[in-house]
Amino acid sequence: FGCLILIIAAVIIALVTGNFIYGWNASGPL
């Protein structure tokens, strides 16, 4: 269970980080 929690947390962090970086380089609304 602890390993699963760690994996989920890692996935969430990766998703948040990816979205953070993607939002920096993605095309804007203009």
PDB file of all heavy atoms in Angstrom:
ATOM      1  N   PHE A   1       0.842  -1.214   0.000  1.00  0.00           N
ATOM      2  CA  PHE A   1       0.000   0.000   0.000  1.00  0.00           C
ATOM      3  C   PHE A   1       0.872   1.257   0.000  1.00  0.00           C
ATOM      4  O   PHE A   1       0.594   2.227  -0.706  1.00  0.00           O
ATOM      5  CB  PHE A   1      -0.917  -0.013   1.228  1.00  0.00           C
ATOM      6  CG  PHE A   1      -1.848   1.152   1.295  1.00  0.00           C
ATOM      7  CD1 PHE A   1      -2.942   1.236   0.449  1.00  0.00           C
ATOM      8  CD2 PHE A   1      -1.611   2.189   2.197  1.00  0.00           C
ATOM      9  CE1 PHE A   1      -3.794   2.323   0.508  1.00  0.00           C
ATOM     10  CE2 PHE A   1      -2.463   3.279   2.255  1.00  0.00           C
ATOM     11  CZ  PHE A   1      -3.568   3.347   1.408  1.00  0.00           C
ATOM     12  N   GLY A   2       1.931   1.219   0.801  1.00  0.00           N
ATOM     13  CA  GLY A   2       2.849   2.366   0.847  1.00  0.00           C
ATOM     14  C   GLY A   2       3.514   2.601  -0.492  1.00  0.00           C
ATOM     15  O   GLY A   2       3.661   3.745  -0.946  1.00  0.00           O
ATOM     16  N   CYS A   3       3.898   1.526  -1.150  1.00  0.00           N
ATOM     17  CA  CYS A   3       4.514   1.672  -2.491  1.00  0.00           C
ATOM     18  C   CYS A   3       3.525   2.259  -3.483  1.00  0.00           C
ATOM     19  O   CYS A   3       3.877   3.082  -4.338  1.00  0.00           O
ATOM     20  CB  CYS A   3       5.001   0.304  -2.969  1.00  0.00           C
ATOM     21  SG  CYS A   3       6.445  -0.313  -2.069  1.00  0.00           S
ATOM     22  N   LEU A   4       2.249   1.812  -3.361  1.00  0.00           N
ATOM     23  CA  LEU A   4       1.219   2.331  -4.263  1.00  0.00           C
ATOM     24  C   LEU A   4       1.007   3.828  -4.055  1.00  0.00           C
ATOM     25  O   LEU A   4       0.858   4.584  -5.031  1.00  0.00           O
ATOM     26  CB  LEU A   4      -0.096   1.576  -4.013  1.00  0.00           C
ATOM     27  CG  LEU A   4      -1.275   1.985  -4.904  1.00  0.00           C
ATOM     28  CD1 LEU A   4      -0.951   1.740  -6.367  1.00  0.00           C
ATOM     29  CD2 LEU A   4      -2.530   1.213  -4.483  1.00  0.00           C
ATOM     30  N   ILE A   5       1.023   4.209  -2.775  1.00  0.00           N
ATOM     31  CA  ILE A   5       0.868   5.634  -2.466  1.00  0.00           C
ATOM     32  C   ILE A   5       2.015   6.430  -3.084  1.00  0.00           C
ATOM     33  O   ILE A   5       1.816   7.502  -3.675  1.00  0.00           O
ATOM     34  CB  ILE A   5       0.806   5.872  -0.953  1.00  0.00           C
ATOM     35  CG1 ILE A   5      -0.472   5.274  -0.358  1.00  0.00           C
ATOM     36  CG2 ILE A   5       0.883   7.366  -0.633  1.00  0.00           C
ATOM     37  CD1 ILE A   5      -1.745   5.875  -0.879  1.00  0.00           C
ATOM     38  N   LEU A   6       3.211   5.896  -2.969  1.00  0.00           N
ATOM     39  CA  LEU A   6       4.383   6.583  -3.524  1.00  0.00           C
ATOM     40  C   LEU A   6       4.278   6.691  -5.043  1.00  0.00           C
ATOM     41  O   LEU A   6       4.616   7.715  -5.634  1.00  0.00           O
ATOM     42  CB  LEU A   6       5.659   5.845  -3.120  1.00  0.00           C
ATOM     43  CG  LEU A   6       6.069   5.942  -1.654  1.00  0.00           C
ATOM     44  CD1 LEU A   6       7.275   5.063  -1.378  1.00  0.00           C
ATOM     45  CD2 LEU A   6       6.361   7.395  -1.286  1.00  0.00           C
ATOM     46  N   ILE A   7       3.815   5.615  -5.663  1.00  0.00           N
ATOM     47  CA  ILE A   7       3.680   5.631  -7.131  1.00  0.00           C
ATOM     48  C   ILE A   7       2.643   6.657  -7.564  1.00  0.00           C
ATOM     49  O   ILE A   7       2.846   7.434  -8.505  1.00  0.00           O
ATOM     50  CB  ILE A   7       3.302   4.219  -7.636  1.00  0.00           C
ATOM     51  CG1 ILE A   7       4.476   3.254  -7.431  1.00  0.00           C
ATOM     52  CG2 ILE A   7       2.917   4.282  -9.115  1.00  0.00           C
ATOM     53  CD1 ILE A   7       4.112   1.807  -7.705  1.00  0.00           C
ATOM     54  N   ILE A   8       1.521   6.663  -6.835  1.00  0.00           N
ATOM     55  CA  ILE A   8       0.456   7.626  -7.166  1.00  0.00           C
ATOM     56  C   ILE A   8       0.955   9.056  -6.984  1.00  0.00           C
ATOM     57  O   ILE A   8       0.710   9.930  -7.816  1.00  0.00           O
ATOM     58  CB  ILE A   8      -0.789   7.365  -6.289  1.00  0.00           C
ATOM     59  CG1 ILE A   8      -1.416   6.027  -6.665  1.00  0.00           C
ATOM     60  CG2 ILE A   8      -1.799   8.495  -6.441  1.00  0.00           C
ATOM     61  CD1 ILE A   8      -2.550   5.592  -5.747  1.00  0.00           C
ATOM     62  N   ALA A   9       1.678   9.267  -5.884  1.00  0.00           N
ATOM     63  CA  ALA A   9       2.203  10.617  -5.620  1.00  0.00           C
ATOM     64  C   ALA A   9       3.186  11.032  -6.709  1.00  0.00           C
ATOM     65  O   ALA A   9       3.187  12.186  -7.172  1.00  0.00           O
ATOM     66  CB  ALA A   9       2.874  10.643  -4.248  1.00  0.00           C
ATOM     67  N   ALA A  10       4.018  10.057  -7.126  1.00  0.00           N
ATOM     68  CA  ALA A  10       4.998  10.352  -8.172  1.00  0.00           C
ATOM     69  C   ALA A  10       4.304  10.697  -9.486  1.00  0.00           C
ATOM     70  O   ALA A  10       4.712  11.613 -10.227  1.00  0.00           O
ATOM     71  CB  ALA A  10       5.939   9.165  -8.356  1.00  0.00           C
ATOM     72  N   VAL A  11       3.235   9.943  -9.778  1.00  0.00           N
ATOM     73  CA  VAL A  11       2.471  10.210 -11.015  1.00  0.00           C
ATOM     74  C   VAL A  11       1.833  11.588 -10.957  1.00  0.00           C
ATOM     75  O   VAL A  11       1.856  12.347 -11.938  1.00  0.00           O
ATOM     76  CB  VAL A  11       1.410   9.111 -11.233  1.00  0.00           C
ATOM     77  CG1 VAL A  11       0.464   9.516 -12.353  1.00  0.00           C
ATOM     78  CG2 VAL A  11       2.078   7.781 -11.545  1.00  0.00           C
ATOM     79  N   ILE A  12       1.252  11.903  -9.779  1.00  0.00           N
ATOM     80  CA  ILE A  12       0.609  13.211  -9.627  1.00  0.00           C
ATOM     81  C   ILE A  12       1.627  14.339  -9.789  1.00  0.00           C
ATOM     82  O   ILE A  12       1.382  15.325 -10.489  1.00  0.00           O
ATOM     83  CB  ILE A  12      -0.093  13.308  -8.253  1.00  0.00           C
ATOM     84  CG1 ILE A  12      -1.285  12.356  -8.208  1.00  0.00           C
ATOM     85  CG2 ILE A  12      -0.537  14.739  -7.980  1.00  0.00           C
ATOM     86  CD1 ILE A  12      -1.957  12.258  -6.843  1.00  0.00           C
ATOM     87  N   ILE A  13       2.781  14.159  -9.160  1.00  0.00           N
ATOM     88  CA  ILE A  13       3.841  15.175  -9.269  1.00  0.00           C
ATOM     89  C   ILE A  13       4.291  15.316 -10.716  1.00  0.00           C
ATOM     90  O   ILE A  13       4.488  16.431 -11.219  1.00  0.00           O
ATOM     91  CB  ILE A  13       5.029  14.808  -8.361  1.00  0.00           C
ATOM     92  CG1 ILE A  13       4.621  14.928  -6.887  1.00  0.00           C
ATOM     93  CG2 ILE A  13       6.234  15.698  -8.652  1.00  0.00           C
ATOM     94  CD1 ILE A  13       5.660  14.401  -5.924  1.00  0.00           C
ATOM     95  N   ALA A  14       4.435  14.178 -11.396  1.00  0.00           N
ATOM     96  CA  ALA A  14       4.858  14.214 -12.794  1.00  0.00           C
ATOM     97  C   ALA A  14       3.826  14.922 -13.662  1.00  0.00           C
ATOM     98  O   ALA A  14       4.158  15.725 -14.545  1.00  0.00           O
ATOM     99  CB  ALA A  14       5.101  12.796 -13.301  1.00  0.00           C
ATOM    100  N   LEU A  15       2.549  14.623 -13.380  1.00  0.00           N
ATOM    101  CA  LEU A  15       1.485  15.263 -14.160  1.00  0.00           C
ATOM    102  C   LEU A  15       1.444  16.770 -13.915  1.00  0.00           C
ATOM    103  O   LEU A  15       1.293  17.560 -14.851  1.00  0.00           O
ATOM    104  CB  LEU A  15       0.138  14.624 -13.808  1.00  0.00           C
ATOM    105  CG  LEU A  15      -0.094  13.189 -14.307  1.00  0.00           C
ATOM    106  CD1 LEU A  15      -1.397  12.641 -13.751  1.00  0.00           C
ATOM    107  CD2 LEU A  15      -0.124  13.172 -15.839  1.00  0.00           C
ATOM    108  N   VAL A  16       1.558  17.138 -12.632  1.00  0.00           N
ATOM    109  CA  VAL A  16       1.533  18.563 -12.290  1.00  0.00           C
ATOM    110  C   VAL A  16       2.729  19.277 -12.908  1.00  0.00           C
ATOM    111  O   VAL A  16       2.600  20.367 -13.486  1.00  0.00           O
ATOM    112  CB  VAL A  16       1.508  18.750 -10.758  1.00  0.00           C
ATOM    113  CG1 VAL A  16       1.723  20.221 -10.404  1.00  0.00           C
ATOM    114  CG2 VAL A  16       0.201  18.247 -10.186  1.00  0.00           C
ATOM    115  N   THR A  17       3.904  18.653 -12.790  1.00  0.00           N
ATOM    116  CA  THR A  17       5.114  19.259 -13.354  1.00  0.00           C
ATOM    117  C   THR A  17       5.012  19.365 -14.868  1.00  0.00           C
ATOM    118  O   THR A  17       5.356  20.392 -15.460  1.00  0.00           O
ATOM    119  CB  THR A  17       6.350  18.426 -12.973  1.00  0.00           C
ATOM    120  OG1 THR A  17       6.449  18.338 -11.554  1.00  0.00           O
ATOM    121  CG2 THR A  17       7.615  19.046 -13.544  1.00  0.00           C
ATOM    122  N   GLY A  18       4.520  18.277 -15.483  1.00  0.00           N
ATOM    123  CA  GLY A  18       4.377  18.293 -16.939  1.00  0.00           C
ATOM    124  C   GLY A  18       3.407  19.370 -17.386  1.00  0.00           C
ATOM    125  O   GLY A  18       3.650  20.072 -18.368  1.00  0.00           O
ATOM    126  N   ASN A  19       2.275  19.452 -16.647  1.00  0.00           N
ATOM    127  CA  ASN A  19       1.298  20.490 -16.995  1.00  0.00           C
ATOM    128  C   ASN A  19       1.870  21.885 -16.783  1.00  0.00           C
ATOM    129  O   ASN A  19       1.599  22.801 -17.567  1.00  0.00           O
ATOM    130  CB  ASN A  19       0.035  20.303 -16.148  1.00  0.00           C
ATOM    131  CG  ASN A  19      -1.033  21.326 -16.484  1.00  0.00           C
ATOM    132  OD1 ASN A  19      -1.602  21.302 -17.569  1.00  0.00           O
ATOM    133  ND2 ASN A  19      -1.317  22.229 -15.552  1.00  0.00           N
ATOM    134  N   PHE A  20       2.681  22.034 -15.736  1.00  0.00           N
ATOM    135  CA  PHE A  20       3.300  23.328 -15.433  1.00  0.00           C
ATOM    136  C   PHE A  20       4.232  23.751 -16.570  1.00  0.00           C
ATOM    137  O   PHE A  20       4.175  24.883 -17.052  1.00  0.00           O
ATOM    138  CB  PHE A  20       4.087  23.214 -14.121  1.00  0.00           C
ATOM    139  CG  PHE A  20       4.564  24.528 -13.573  1.00  0.00           C
ATOM    140  CD1 PHE A  20       3.730  25.330 -12.817  1.00  0.00           C
ATOM    141  CD2 PHE A  20       5.866  24.968 -13.810  1.00  0.00           C
ATOM    142  CE1 PHE A  20       4.166  26.539 -12.294  1.00  0.00           C
ATOM    143  CE2 PHE A  20       6.315  26.172 -13.305  1.00  0.00           C
ATOM    144  CZ  PHE A  20       5.463  26.964 -12.543  1.00  0.00           C
ATOM    145  N   ILE A  21       5.049  22.787 -17.003  1.00  0.00           N
ATOM    146  CA  ILE A  21       5.993  23.074 -18.094  1.00  0.00           C
ATOM    147  C   ILE A  21       5.262  23.234 -19.414  1.00  0.00           C
ATOM    148  O   ILE A  21       5.565  24.122 -20.213  1.00  0.00           O
ATOM    149  CB  ILE A  21       7.052  21.960 -18.180  1.00  0.00           C
ATOM    150  CG1 ILE A  21       7.896  21.936 -16.907  1.00  0.00           C
ATOM    151  CG2 ILE A  21       7.944  22.155 -19.400  1.00  0.00           C
ATOM    152  CD1 ILE A  21       8.866  20.774 -16.826  1.00  0.00           C
ATOM    153  N   TYR A  22       4.249  22.344 -19.645  1.00  0.00           N
ATOM    154  CA  TYR A  22       3.483  22.431 -20.887  1.00  0.00           C
ATOM    155  C   TYR A  22       2.792  23.789 -21.006  1.00  0.00           C
ATOM    156  O   TYR A  22       2.781  24.421 -22.063  1.00  0.00           O
ATOM    157  CB  TYR A  22       2.443  21.306 -20.943  1.00  0.00           C
ATOM    158  CG  TYR A  22       1.502  21.424 -22.122  1.00  0.00           C
ATOM    159  CD1 TYR A  22       1.891  21.015 -23.389  1.00  0.00           C
ATOM    160  CD2 TYR A  22       0.215  21.961 -21.961  1.00  0.00           C
ATOM    161  CE1 TYR A  22       1.043  21.129 -24.482  1.00  0.00           C
ATOM    162  CE2 TYR A  22      -0.651  22.079 -23.038  1.00  0.00           C
ATOM    163  CZ  TYR A  22      -0.228  21.672 -24.298  1.00  0.00           C
ATOM    164  OH  TYR A  22      -1.063  21.802 -25.370  1.00  0.00           O
ATOM    165  N   GLY A  23       2.218  24.254 -19.900  1.00  0.00           N
ATOM    166  CA  GLY A  23       1.542  25.548 -19.906  1.00  0.00           C
ATOM    167  C   GLY A  23       2.483  26.707 -20.190  1.00  0.00           C
ATOM    168  O   GLY A  23       2.051  27.771 -20.650  1.00  0.00           O
ATOM    169  N   TRP A  24       3.760  26.497 -19.926  1.00  0.00           N
ATOM    170  CA  TRP A  24       4.752  27.546 -20.199  1.00  0.00           C
ATOM    171  C   TRP A  24       5.092  27.625 -21.679  1.00  0.00           C
ATOM    172  O   TRP A  24       5.345  28.699 -22.211  1.00  0.00           O
ATOM    173  CB  TRP A  24       6.006  27.263 -19.367  1.00  0.00           C
ATOM    174  CG  TRP A  24       7.104  28.278 -19.482  1.00  0.00           C
ATOM    175  CD1 TRP A  24       8.366  28.074 -19.941  1.00  0.00           C
ATOM    176  CD2 TRP A  24       7.046  29.656 -19.127  1.00  0.00           C
ATOM    177  NE1 TRP A  24       9.108  29.225 -19.895  1.00  0.00           N
ATOM    178  CE2 TRP A  24       8.307  30.220 -19.391  1.00  0.00           C
ATOM    179  CE3 TRP A  24       6.032  30.469 -18.607  1.00  0.00           C
ATOM    180  CZ2 TRP A  24       8.592  31.554 -19.157  1.00  0.00           C
ATOM    181  CZ3 TRP A  24       6.311  31.800 -18.375  1.00  0.00           C
ATOM    182  CH2 TRP A  24       7.580  32.334 -18.640  1.00  0.00           C
ATOM    183  N   ASN A  25       5.070  26.473 -22.345  1.00  0.00           N
ATOM    184  CA  ASN A  25       5.506  26.432 -23.749  1.00  0.00           C
ATOM    185  C   ASN A  25       4.360  26.255 -24.748  1.00  0.00           C
ATOM    186  O   ASN A  25       4.586  26.356 -25.951  1.00  0.00           O
ATOM    187  CB  ASN A  25       6.509  25.284 -23.941  1.00  0.00           C
ATOM    188  CG  ASN A  25       7.807  25.517 -23.180  1.00  0.00           C
ATOM    189  OD1 ASN A  25       8.601  26.372 -23.528  1.00  0.00           O
ATOM    190  ND2 ASN A  25       8.015  24.741 -22.115  1.00  0.00           N
ATOM    191  N   ALA A  26       3.155  25.984 -24.257  1.00  0.00           N
ATOM    192  CA  ALA A  26       2.017  25.773 -25.160  1.00  0.00           C
ATOM    193  C   ALA A  26       1.587  27.086 -25.816  1.00  0.00           C
ATOM    194  O   ALA A  26       1.839  28.174 -25.307  1.00  0.00           O
ATOM    195  CB  ALA A  26       0.851  25.175 -24.379  1.00  0.00           C
ATOM    196  N   SER A  27       0.921  26.967 -26.952  1.00  0.00           N
ATOM    197  CA  SER A  27       0.429  28.143 -27.662  1.00  0.00           C
ATOM    198  C   SER A  27      -0.563  28.907 -26.797  1.00  0.00           C
ATOM    199  O   SER A  27      -1.375  28.305 -26.077  1.00  0.00           O
ATOM    200  CB  SER A  27      -0.253  27.723 -28.969  1.00  0.00           C
ATOM    201  OG  SER A  27       0.680  27.123 -29.842  1.00  0.00           O
ATOM    202  N   GLY A  28      -0.515  30.230 -26.898  1.00  0.00           N
ATOM    203  CA  GLY A  28      -1.397  31.080 -26.115  1.00  0.00           C
ATOM    204  C   GLY A  28      -2.688  31.385 -26.824  1.00  0.00           C
ATOM    205  O   GLY A  28      -2.912  30.963 -27.961  1.00  0.00           O
ATOM    206  N   PRO A  29      -3.553  32.169 -26.203  1.00  0.00           N
ATOM    207  CA  PRO A  29      -4.900  32.424 -26.733  1.00  0.00           C
ATOM    208  C   PRO A  29      -4.973  33.495 -27.823  1.00  0.00           C
ATOM    209  O   PRO A  29      -6.022  33.670 -28.444  1.00  0.00           O
ATOM    210  CB  PRO A  29      -5.664  32.881 -25.493  1.00  0.00           C
ATOM    211  CG  PRO A  29      -4.615  33.556 -24.652  1.00  0.00           C
ATOM    212  CD  PRO A  29      -3.363  32.754 -24.870  1.00  0.00           C
ATOM    213  N   LEU A  30      -3.901  34.211 -28.056  1.00  0.00           N
ATOM    214  CA  LEU A  30      -3.949  35.342 -28.984  1.00  0.00           C
ATOM    215  C   LEU A  30      -4.198  34.864 -30.411  1.00  0.00           C
ATOM    216  O   LEU A  30      -3.438  34.045 -30.950  1.00  0.00           O
ATOM    217  CB  LEU A  30      -2.637  36.129 -28.902  1.00  0.00           C
ATOM    218  CG  LEU A  30      -2.634  37.540 -29.480  1.00  0.00           C
ATOM    219  CD1 LEU A  30      -3.674  38.412 -28.785  1.00  0.00           C
ATOM    220  CD2 LEU A  30      -1.251  38.171 -29.324  1.00  0.00           C
TER     221      LEU A  30
END
